[in-house]
Amino acid sequence: EGASHVDAFVAPTRYYARHAIDHFGLDPDRVHVVPLGIDVDDYGDPAPSADGAFRIGYLARICPEKGLANLCEALVRLREAGRDCRLRAAGYLGRGDRDYLARTMAYLKERGTADAFEYVGEVSRPEKLAFLRSQHVVSVPSVYHESKGLYVLEAMAAGVPVVQPRIGAFPELVEQAGGGLLYDPDDEGGLADGIARLMDDSELRESLGKAGSAGVREGFTAEIMARETWSLYERLCSAHSVG
């Protein structure tokens, strides 16, 4: 009932705009997409190619919905295939999800992979940027249809390619910015295969990293988001003043 008095709804992605129209029964003409944006002023140049063991990064809340356990399963697959790789996870851990992390780490221990995993906790902004730049690839394999995916933009802005499931907002973010690979979430080995592909192809990693960094700056910055939001408000106000 309240929605009938709203002139416009703003969605951060085309995926969520479609979902909101269907789920809430909104008039499509009143739903506008303003691309999600992040502050990139302190990101610097794309991250140089990392040295040493291949590092997989996870930067999101530690919870079942974000798929850390799935990424750990991919780590086990890769390690059991003889690949030298490690996984570092950063993000908020709520009290209710401590058992989830404990079970995930117990699984890694059972599979002889505990020494290849590290949870570094929450990170400040400078620590986050350093964390991202130290990874070869970043993946947050959410098991639900994510409406935003800020961590995808943050990784790509840092020049680090991402590997994400082809669901929710991920396809449009990755394809528009051009900084990563998508896999079928129904494919049991899809995540590990995507990471392995980037392990084996340093040129592809570098090209995706540069493309993602440029793509975020061209279409997903806080400045662009503010400008497009302001433009929408001006159009709405103009329409009312004319009426």
Protein backbone atom coordinates (compact mmCIF):
# COMPACT_ATOMS: atom_id res chain seq x y z
CA GLU A 1 0.00 0.00 0.00
CA GLY A 2 2.79 2.40 0.87
CA ALA A 3 4.55 1.67 -2.41
CA SER A 4 1.77 3.41 -4.31
CA HIS A 5 3.00 6.74 -2.89
CA VAL A 6 6.62 6.21 -3.96
CA ASP A 7 7.69 7.98 -7.16
CA ALA A 8 10.72 5.80 -7.81
CA PHE A 9 12.60 2.82 -6.47
CA VAL A 10 16.36 2.55 -6.95
CA ALA A 11 18.01 -0.84 -7.38
CA PRO A 12 21.82 -1.35 -7.28
CA THR A 13 21.79 -3.99 -10.04
CA ARG A 14 19.63 -5.05 -12.95
CA TYR A 15 19.20 -8.44 -11.29
CA TYR A 16 17.70 -6.94 -8.16
CA ALA A 17 15.49 -4.57 -10.16
CA ARG A 18 13.92 -7.56 -11.92
CA HIS A 19 13.59 -9.45 -8.64
CA ALA A 20 11.93 -6.50 -6.87
CA ILE A 21 9.48 -5.93 -9.72
CA ASP A 22 8.41 -9.57 -9.63
CA HIS A 23 8.53 -10.11 -5.86
CA PHE A 24 6.80 -6.90 -4.79
CA GLY A 25 4.59 -6.42 -7.85
CA LEU A 26 6.08 -3.02 -8.67
CA ASP A 27 5.46 -0.97 -11.78
CA PRO A 28 8.60 -1.47 -13.92
CA ASP A 29 8.51 2.20 -14.95
CA ARG A 30 9.08 3.22 -11.33
CA VAL A 31 12.11 0.99 -10.79
CA HIS A 32 15.44 2.51 -11.81
CA VAL A 33 18.91 0.98 -11.77
CA VAL A 34 21.79 3.04 -10.42
CA PRO A 35 24.91 0.85 -10.56
CA LEU A 36 26.58 0.06 -7.28
CA GLY A 37 29.67 2.17 -6.66
CA ILE A 38 32.75 2.07 -4.43
CA ASP A 39 35.38 4.65 -3.48
CA VAL A 40 38.48 3.84 -5.55
CA ASP A 41 40.61 6.89 -4.72
CA ASP A 42 43.03 4.94 -2.52
CA TYR A 43 43.22 1.71 -4.53
CA GLY A 44 46.19 2.76 -6.63
CA ASP A 45 47.34 0.86 -9.69
CA PRO A 46 46.28 -2.76 -10.35
CA ALA A 47 47.99 -5.22 -8.04
CA PRO A 48 51.24 -6.70 -9.37
CA SER A 49 51.30 -10.43 -9.94
CA ALA A 50 51.72 -12.11 -6.56
CA ASP A 51 54.67 -14.44 -5.99
CA GLY A 52 54.97 -17.70 -4.08
CA ALA A 53 52.24 -20.25 -3.44
CA PHE A 54 48.98 -19.46 -5.23
CA ARG A 55 46.80 -17.45 -2.86
CA ILE A 56 43.01 -17.58 -2.90
CA GLY A 57 41.25 -14.81 -1.01
CA TYR A 58 37.81 -14.64 0.60
CA LEU A 59 36.55 -11.25 1.82
CA ALA A 60 33.03 -11.28 3.26
CA ARG A 61 31.06 -12.13 6.36
CA ILE A 62 31.87 -15.59 7.69
CA CYS A 63 28.54 -17.39 7.37
CA PRO A 64 26.96 -20.29 5.45
CA GLU A 65 25.21 -17.96 3.02
CA LYS A 66 28.46 -16.55 1.64
CA GLY A 67 29.82 -20.02 0.84
CA LEU A 68 33.14 -20.19 2.67
CA ALA A 69 32.65 -23.94 3.15
CA ASN A 70 32.26 -24.34 -0.63
CA LEU A 71 35.49 -22.47 -1.20
CA CYS A 72 37.21 -24.74 1.34
CA GLU A 73 35.94 -27.76 -0.58
CA ALA A 74 37.47 -26.29 -3.73
CA LEU A 75 40.74 -25.79 -1.83
CA VAL A 76 40.74 -29.47 -0.85
CA ARG A 77 40.13 -30.50 -4.47
CA LEU A 78 43.01 -28.37 -5.66
CA ARG A 79 45.41 -29.54 -2.95
CA GLU A 80 44.53 -33.19 -3.49
CA ALA A 81 45.27 -32.66 -7.18
CA GLY A 82 48.80 -31.65 -6.15
CA ARG A 83 48.35 -27.89 -6.58
CA ASP A 84 50.30 -25.55 -4.31
CA CYS A 85 47.66 -23.11 -3.12
CA ARG A 86 46.48 -21.50 0.09
CA LEU A 87 43.25 -19.85 1.21
CA ARG A 88 43.04 -16.74 3.38
CA ALA A 89 39.68 -15.52 4.64
CA ALA A 90 38.84 -12.13 6.10
CA GLY A 91 35.54 -10.77 7.36
CA TYR A 92 33.18 -10.33 10.27
CA LEU A 93 32.42 -13.42 12.33
CA GLY A 94 29.27 -13.20 14.43
CA ARG A 95 28.78 -15.27 17.56
CA GLY A 96 26.10 -17.35 15.84
CA ASP A 97 28.47 -18.38 13.06
CA ARG A 98 31.46 -19.45 15.18
CA ASP A 99 30.33 -23.09 15.05
CA TYR A 100 30.12 -22.83 11.27
CA LEU A 101 33.73 -21.70 11.06
CA ALA A 102 34.78 -24.38 13.54
CA ARG A 103 33.07 -27.10 11.47
CA THR A 104 34.67 -25.77 8.31
CA MET A 105 38.12 -25.83 9.88
CA ALA A 106 37.47 -29.33 11.25
CA TYR A 107 36.64 -30.47 7.72
CA LEU A 108 39.92 -29.07 6.45
CA LYS A 109 41.80 -30.84 9.26
CA GLU A 110 40.12 -34.16 8.39
CA ARG A 111 41.23 -33.73 4.78
CA GLY A 112 44.79 -32.83 5.74
CA THR A 113 44.45 -29.26 4.48
CA ALA A 114 44.23 -27.24 7.69
CA ASP A 115 47.71 -25.77 7.23
CA ALA A 116 46.62 -24.25 3.90
CA PHE A 117 43.87 -22.13 5.48
CA GLU A 118 44.05 -18.97 7.56
CA TYR A 119 41.27 -16.82 8.99
CA VAL A 120 42.66 -13.32 9.57
CA GLY A 121 39.54 -11.80 11.16
CA GLU A 122 38.05 -8.41 10.46
CA VAL A 123 40.22 -5.90 8.61
CA SER A 124 40.41 -2.11 8.49
CA ARG A 125 40.25 -0.39 5.13
CA PRO A 126 44.06 -0.17 4.71
CA GLU A 127 44.32 -3.81 5.79
CA LYS A 128 41.58 -4.76 3.34
CA LEU A 129 43.36 -3.14 0.41
CA ALA A 130 46.63 -4.84 1.37
CA PHE A 131 44.80 -8.15 1.78
CA LEU A 132 43.23 -7.91 -1.68
CA ARG A 133 46.47 -6.92 -3.40
CA SER A 134 48.27 -9.94 -1.90
CA GLN A 135 45.90 -12.47 -3.51
CA HIS A 136 46.12 -14.17 -6.90
CA VAL A 137 42.34 -14.58 -7.05
CA VAL A 138 39.32 -13.75 -4.89
CA SER A 139 36.14 -15.78 -4.59
CA VAL A 140 33.04 -15.45 -2.42
CA PRO A 141 30.87 -18.31 -3.71
CA SER A 142 27.56 -17.22 -2.18
CA VAL A 143 24.92 -19.93 -2.15
CA TYR A 144 22.06 -17.43 -2.47
CA HIS A 145 21.26 -14.93 -5.21
CA GLU A 146 23.27 -11.93 -4.08
CA SER A 147 21.66 -8.59 -4.94
CA LYS A 148 24.87 -6.55 -4.72
CA GLY A 149 28.31 -8.08 -4.25
CA LEU A 150 30.52 -5.20 -3.10
CA TYR A 151 33.41 -7.59 -2.48
CA VAL A 152 33.45 -8.46 -6.19
CA LEU A 153 33.89 -4.81 -7.13
CA GLU A 154 36.52 -4.32 -4.41
CA ALA A 155 38.63 -7.24 -5.63
CA MET A 156 38.40 -6.17 -9.27
CA ALA A 157 39.22 -2.55 -8.35
CA ALA A 158 42.41 -3.86 -6.74
CA GLY A 159 43.31 -5.61 -9.99
CA VAL A 160 42.61 -9.10 -8.65
CA PRO A 161 40.42 -11.41 -10.78
CA VAL A 162 37.39 -13.09 -9.23
CA VAL A 163 35.74 -16.49 -9.68
CA GLN A 164 32.03 -16.34 -8.91
CA PRO A 165 28.91 -18.48 -9.41
CA ARG A 166 26.67 -17.49 -12.30
CA ILE A 167 23.76 -16.39 -10.10
CA GLY A 168 22.23 -13.17 -8.79
CA ALA A 169 24.10 -9.96 -9.54
CA PHE A 170 27.46 -11.63 -10.17
CA PRO A 171 27.08 -12.13 -13.95
CA GLU A 172 26.38 -8.46 -14.66
CA LEU A 173 29.14 -7.22 -12.35
CA VAL A 174 31.78 -9.60 -13.71
CA GLU A 175 30.76 -9.30 -17.35
CA GLN A 176 30.39 -5.53 -17.37
CA ALA A 177 33.66 -4.87 -15.53
CA GLY A 178 35.41 -7.76 -17.28
CA GLY A 179 37.49 -8.85 -14.30
CA GLY A 180 36.76 -12.50 -13.66
CA LEU A 181 35.32 -15.90 -14.47
CA LEU A 182 31.85 -17.32 -13.85
CA TYR A 183 30.97 -20.95 -13.21
CA ASP A 184 27.78 -22.99 -13.04
CA PRO A 185 26.89 -23.41 -9.34
CA ASP A 186 25.32 -26.80 -10.15
CA ASP A 187 28.72 -28.03 -11.36
CA GLU A 188 30.31 -29.67 -8.31
CA GLY A 189 33.83 -28.96 -9.51
CA GLY A 190 33.12 -25.66 -11.26
CA LEU A 191 34.67 -23.42 -8.61
CA ALA A 192 37.87 -25.46 -8.36
CA ASP A 193 38.10 -25.63 -12.15
CA GLY A 194 37.78 -21.86 -12.46
CA ILE A 195 40.51 -21.27 -9.89
CA ALA A 196 42.72 -23.91 -11.54
CA ARG A 197 42.34 -22.17 -14.88
CA LEU A 198 43.69 -18.96 -13.39
CA MET A 199 46.49 -20.86 -11.66
CA ASP A 200 47.59 -22.26 -15.01
CA ASP A 201 47.32 -19.05 -17.02
CA SER A 202 49.21 -16.09 -15.57
CA GLU A 203 48.53 -14.03 -18.71
CA LEU A 204 44.79 -14.52 -18.28
CA ARG A 205 45.07 -13.52 -14.62
CA GLU A 206 46.92 -10.36 -15.54
CA SER A 207 44.54 -9.41 -18.35
CA LEU A 208 41.46 -10.00 -16.18
CA GLY A 209 43.04 -8.04 -13.33
CA LYS A 210 43.72 -5.03 -15.55
CA ALA A 211 40.31 -5.23 -17.20
CA GLY A 212 38.51 -5.43 -13.87
CA SER A 213 40.43 -2.49 -12.43
CA ALA A 214 39.61 -0.33 -15.44
CA GLY A 215 36.01 -1.60 -15.62
CA VAL A 216 35.23 -0.67 -12.02
CA ARG A 217 36.66 2.81 -12.52
CA GLU A 218 34.62 3.27 -15.68
CA GLY A 219 31.27 2.11 -14.36
CA PHE A 220 31.17 1.34 -10.62
CA THR A 221 32.59 4.23 -8.62
CA ALA A 222 30.95 6.14 -5.77
CA GLU A 223 31.16 9.30 -7.89
CA ILE A 224 29.25 7.69 -10.76
CA MET A 225 26.66 6.30 -8.35
CA ALA A 226 26.15 9.73 -6.74
CA ARG A 227 25.93 11.50 -10.09
CA GLU A 228 23.37 9.08 -11.51
CA THR A 229 21.31 9.18 -8.31
CA TRP A 230 21.27 12.97 -8.38
CA SER A 231 20.29 12.94 -12.04
CA LEU A 232 17.36 10.64 -11.26
CA TYR A 233 16.19 12.92 -8.42
CA GLU A 234 16.36 15.94 -10.72
CA ARG A 235 14.24 14.20 -13.35
CA LEU A 236 11.65 13.25 -10.73
CA CYS A 237 11.51 16.78 -9.32
CA SER A 238 11.24 18.24 -12.80
CA ALA A 239 8.33 15.96 -13.64
CA HIS A 240 6.50 17.04 -10.48
CA SER A 241 7.11 20.74 -11.06
CA VAL A 242 5.78 20.48 -14.62
CA GLY A 243 2.68 18.66 -13.35
